[in-house]
Amino acid sequence: MHGADARPEGKWISTVRLGPKSQIVIPKEVRDMFGLGPGDSLLLMADVERGIALVDPAEYADVMSKVLGSPSGEEGHS
C-alpha cells in the first residue's frame, strides 16, 4: 500500500519525535479519529518488553480502582 489514503479505516501508524521538553505531539489525524482535544487525559502504560501505549482511561477505570483501592467512579483524593 502506498500513500496516506491506502491505510485501513480506523488505523494509523506514524513516527513521532520527542521535543525539547521530551514531549510528543499526537498527530492531528489521530486526535480527530479519537475526538481528542486540549485538556483531555490519556492513560500512559509502559512495559519494558511490550513498549508504550496511550489509552482512554475510562477503559481501565475498573482496573485502576482495584489497584488504587477506591470504588469505581470515586476520586482517590482525601
N, C-alpha and C. Protein backbone atom coordinates (compact mmCIF):
# COMPACT_ATOMS: atom_id res chain seq x y z
N MET A 1 0.84 -1.19 0.00
CA MET A 1 0.00 0.00 0.00
C MET A 1 0.88 1.24 0.00
N HIS A 2 0.50 2.22 -0.79
CA HIS A 2 1.25 3.47 -0.85
C HIS A 2 0.32 4.63 -0.58
N GLY A 3 0.85 5.66 0.09
CA GLY A 3 0.07 6.86 0.33
C GLY A 3 -0.74 6.77 1.60
N ALA A 4 -1.03 7.95 2.16
CA ALA A 4 -1.75 8.02 3.43
C ALA A 4 -3.17 7.47 3.31
N ASP A 5 -3.80 7.59 2.14
CA ASP A 5 -5.18 7.15 1.98
C ASP A 5 -5.31 5.65 1.81
N ALA A 6 -4.20 4.92 1.69
CA ALA A 6 -4.24 3.48 1.47
C ALA A 6 -4.37 2.68 2.76
N ARG A 7 -4.26 3.32 3.92
CA ARG A 7 -4.34 2.58 5.18
C ARG A 7 -5.79 2.19 5.46
N PRO A 8 -5.98 1.10 6.20
CA PRO A 8 -7.35 0.69 6.55
C PRO A 8 -8.03 1.76 7.42
N GLU A 9 -9.32 1.91 7.23
CA GLU A 9 -10.07 2.89 8.01
C GLU A 9 -9.96 2.58 9.51
N GLY A 10 -9.77 3.62 10.30
CA GLY A 10 -9.66 3.45 11.75
C GLY A 10 -8.28 3.02 12.21
N LYS A 11 -7.32 2.99 11.31
CA LYS A 11 -5.95 2.58 11.65
C LYS A 11 -5.00 3.73 11.34
N TRP A 12 -3.94 3.85 12.12
CA TRP A 12 -2.95 4.90 11.88
C TRP A 12 -1.63 4.42 12.43
N ILE A 13 -0.58 4.68 11.70
CA ILE A 13 0.77 4.42 12.19
C ILE A 13 1.61 5.62 11.80
N SER A 14 2.44 6.06 12.73
CA SER A 14 3.22 7.26 12.49
C SER A 14 4.42 7.26 13.42
N THR A 15 5.45 7.95 13.02
CA THR A 15 6.61 8.18 13.88
C THR A 15 6.45 9.56 14.49
N VAL A 16 6.69 9.67 15.80
CA VAL A 16 6.69 10.97 16.47
C VAL A 16 8.04 11.16 17.13
N ARG A 17 8.42 12.41 17.31
CA ARG A 17 9.71 12.72 17.94
C ARG A 17 9.48 13.40 19.28
N LEU A 18 10.42 13.16 20.18
CA LEU A 18 10.40 13.88 21.44
C LEU A 18 10.91 15.28 21.20
N GLY A 19 10.18 16.27 21.71
CA GLY A 19 10.59 17.66 21.58
C GLY A 19 11.61 18.02 22.65
N PRO A 20 11.97 19.30 22.73
CA PRO A 20 12.98 19.75 23.69
C PRO A 20 12.64 19.43 25.15
N LYS A 21 11.35 19.33 25.46
CA LYS A 21 10.94 19.01 26.83
C LYS A 21 10.51 17.54 26.95
N SER A 22 10.96 16.70 26.03
CA SER A 22 10.62 15.27 25.98
C SER A 22 9.13 15.03 25.81
N GLN A 23 8.44 15.95 25.16
CA GLN A 23 7.01 15.81 24.88
C GLN A 23 6.81 15.31 23.46
N ILE A 24 5.69 14.63 23.25
CA ILE A 24 5.33 14.22 21.89
C ILE A 24 4.06 14.95 21.48
N VAL A 25 3.88 15.11 20.18
CA VAL A 25 2.65 15.67 19.64
C VAL A 25 1.90 14.52 18.98
N ILE A 26 0.66 14.33 19.39
CA ILE A 26 -0.19 13.32 18.75
C ILE A 26 -0.67 13.91 17.43
N PRO A 27 -0.44 13.21 16.32
CA PRO A 27 -0.82 13.75 15.02
C PRO A 27 -2.30 14.15 14.97
N LYS A 28 -2.59 15.22 14.23
CA LYS A 28 -3.95 15.75 14.13
C LYS A 28 -4.93 14.67 13.68
N GLU A 29 -4.53 13.85 12.72
CA GLU A 29 -5.41 12.79 12.23
C GLU A 29 -5.82 11.84 13.34
N VAL A 30 -4.90 11.54 14.24
CA VAL A 30 -5.19 10.65 15.37
C VAL A 30 -6.08 11.36 16.38
N ARG A 31 -5.77 12.63 16.67
CA ARG A 31 -6.62 13.40 17.59
C ARG A 31 -8.05 13.45 17.06
N ASP A 32 -8.19 13.70 15.76
CA ASP A 32 -9.53 13.74 15.16
C ASP A 32 -10.21 12.37 15.23
N MET A 33 -9.46 11.31 14.96
CA MET A 33 -10.02 9.96 14.96
C MET A 33 -10.62 9.60 16.32
N PHE A 34 -9.98 10.08 17.40
CA PHE A 34 -10.42 9.74 18.75
C PHE A 34 -11.13 10.88 19.46
N GLY A 35 -11.33 11.99 18.77
CA GLY A 35 -12.01 13.12 19.37
C GLY A 35 -11.24 13.74 20.53
N LEU A 36 -9.92 13.77 20.42
CA LEU A 36 -9.08 14.31 21.49
C LEU A 36 -8.86 15.80 21.30
N GLY A 37 -8.80 16.51 22.42
CA GLY A 37 -8.55 17.94 22.38
C GLY A 37 -7.76 18.38 23.59
N PRO A 38 -7.42 19.66 23.63
CA PRO A 38 -6.66 20.19 24.77
C PRO A 38 -7.36 19.89 26.09
N GLY A 39 -6.59 19.46 27.07
CA GLY A 39 -7.13 19.16 28.40
C GLY A 39 -7.61 17.73 28.57
N ASP A 40 -7.74 16.97 27.49
CA ASP A 40 -8.15 15.56 27.62
C ASP A 40 -7.04 14.76 28.28
N SER A 41 -7.42 13.72 29.00
CA SER A 41 -6.45 12.86 29.67
C SER A 41 -6.32 11.53 28.94
N LEU A 42 -5.11 11.01 28.94
CA LEU A 42 -4.83 9.68 28.41
C LEU A 42 -4.06 8.93 29.47
N LEU A 43 -4.24 7.63 29.53
CA LEU A 43 -3.50 6.77 30.44
C LEU A 43 -2.27 6.25 29.70
N LEU A 44 -1.09 6.49 30.25
CA LEU A 44 0.15 6.01 29.65
C LEU A 44 0.53 4.72 30.36
N MET A 45 0.72 3.66 29.58
CA MET A 45 1.16 2.39 30.14
C MET A 45 2.49 2.04 29.48
N ALA A 46 3.44 1.57 30.28
CA ALA A 46 4.76 1.24 29.75
C ALA A 46 5.20 -0.12 30.26
N ASP A 47 5.78 -0.90 29.38
CA ASP A 47 6.29 -2.22 29.71
C ASP A 47 7.60 -2.38 28.94
N VAL A 48 8.66 -2.73 29.64
CA VAL A 48 9.98 -2.84 29.02
C VAL A 48 9.95 -3.79 27.82
N GLU A 49 9.18 -4.86 27.90
CA GLU A 49 9.15 -5.84 26.83
C GLU A 49 8.14 -5.51 25.73
N ARG A 50 7.06 -4.81 26.08
CA ARG A 50 5.98 -4.59 25.10
C ARG A 50 5.91 -3.17 24.57
N GLY A 51 6.56 -2.22 25.22
CA GLY A 51 6.56 -0.85 24.72
C GLY A 51 5.66 0.08 25.50
N ILE A 52 5.28 1.17 24.84
CA ILE A 52 4.49 2.24 25.45
C ILE A 52 3.15 2.32 24.72
N ALA A 53 2.08 2.52 25.50
CA ALA A 53 0.75 2.69 24.91
C ALA A 53 0.03 3.85 25.59
N LEU A 54 -0.75 4.57 24.82
CA LEU A 54 -1.64 5.61 25.34
C LEU A 54 -3.06 5.13 25.10
N VAL A 55 -3.86 5.08 26.16
CA VAL A 55 -5.23 4.58 26.04
C VAL A 55 -6.20 5.49 26.77
N ASP A 56 -7.48 5.31 26.49
CA ASP A 56 -8.54 6.05 27.17
C ASP A 56 -8.63 5.54 28.61
N PRO A 57 -8.47 6.43 29.60
CA PRO A 57 -8.51 5.99 30.99
C PRO A 57 -9.84 5.34 31.37
N ALA A 58 -10.94 5.70 30.71
CA ALA A 58 -12.24 5.12 31.03
C ALA A 58 -12.26 3.61 30.78
N GLU A 59 -11.47 3.16 29.81
CA GLU A 59 -11.42 1.73 29.51
C GLU A 59 -10.75 0.93 30.61
N TYR A 60 -10.00 1.60 31.47
CA TYR A 60 -9.26 0.92 32.52
C TYR A 60 -9.70 1.37 33.91
N ALA A 61 -10.87 2.01 34.03
CA ALA A 61 -11.34 2.54 35.31
C ALA A 61 -11.46 1.43 36.36
N ASP A 62 -12.01 0.28 36.00
CA ASP A 62 -12.17 -0.81 36.96
C ASP A 62 -10.82 -1.33 37.44
N VAL A 63 -9.88 -1.50 36.51
CA VAL A 63 -8.54 -1.98 36.87
C VAL A 63 -7.86 -0.97 37.78
N MET A 64 -7.93 0.32 37.43
CA MET A 64 -7.27 1.34 38.24
C MET A 64 -7.88 1.42 39.63
N SER A 65 -9.20 1.30 39.74
CA SER A 65 -9.82 1.39 41.05
C SER A 65 -9.41 0.21 41.93
N LYS A 66 -9.23 -0.97 41.34
CA LYS A 66 -8.77 -2.12 42.12
C LYS A 66 -7.33 -1.91 42.59
N VAL A 67 -6.49 -1.41 41.69
CA VAL A 67 -5.09 -1.18 42.04
C VAL A 67 -4.96 -0.09 43.09
N LEU A 68 -5.74 0.98 42.93
CA LEU A 68 -5.65 2.12 43.85
C LEU A 68 -6.51 1.94 45.09
N GLY A 69 -7.42 0.97 45.07
CA GLY A 69 -8.23 0.69 46.26
C GLY A 69 -9.43 1.59 46.44
N SER A 70 -9.83 2.35 45.42
CA SER A 70 -11.02 3.19 45.56
C SER A 70 -12.14 2.61 44.71
N PRO A 71 -13.38 2.72 45.17
CA PRO A 71 -14.51 2.20 44.39
C PRO A 71 -14.60 2.89 43.04
N SER A 72 -15.09 2.20 42.04
CA SER A 72 -15.21 2.75 40.69
C SER A 72 -16.05 4.02 40.71
N GLY A 73 -15.53 5.05 40.03
CA GLY A 73 -16.25 6.30 39.94
C GLY A 73 -15.93 7.29 41.03
N GLU A 74 -15.22 6.89 42.07
CA GLU A 74 -14.86 7.81 43.14
C GLU A 74 -13.44 8.27 42.97
N GLU A 75 -13.19 9.50 43.35
CA GLU A 75 -11.83 10.04 43.31
C GLU A 75 -11.04 9.47 44.47
N GLY A 76 -9.77 9.25 44.28
CA GLY A 76 -8.90 8.72 45.32
C GLY A 76 -8.26 9.80 46.16
N HIS A 77 -8.87 11.00 46.20
CA HIS A 77 -8.29 12.12 46.94
C HIS A 77 -8.96 12.26 48.29
N SER A 78 -8.22 12.76 49.27
CA SER A 78 -8.78 13.00 50.60
C SER A 78 -9.20 14.43 50.75
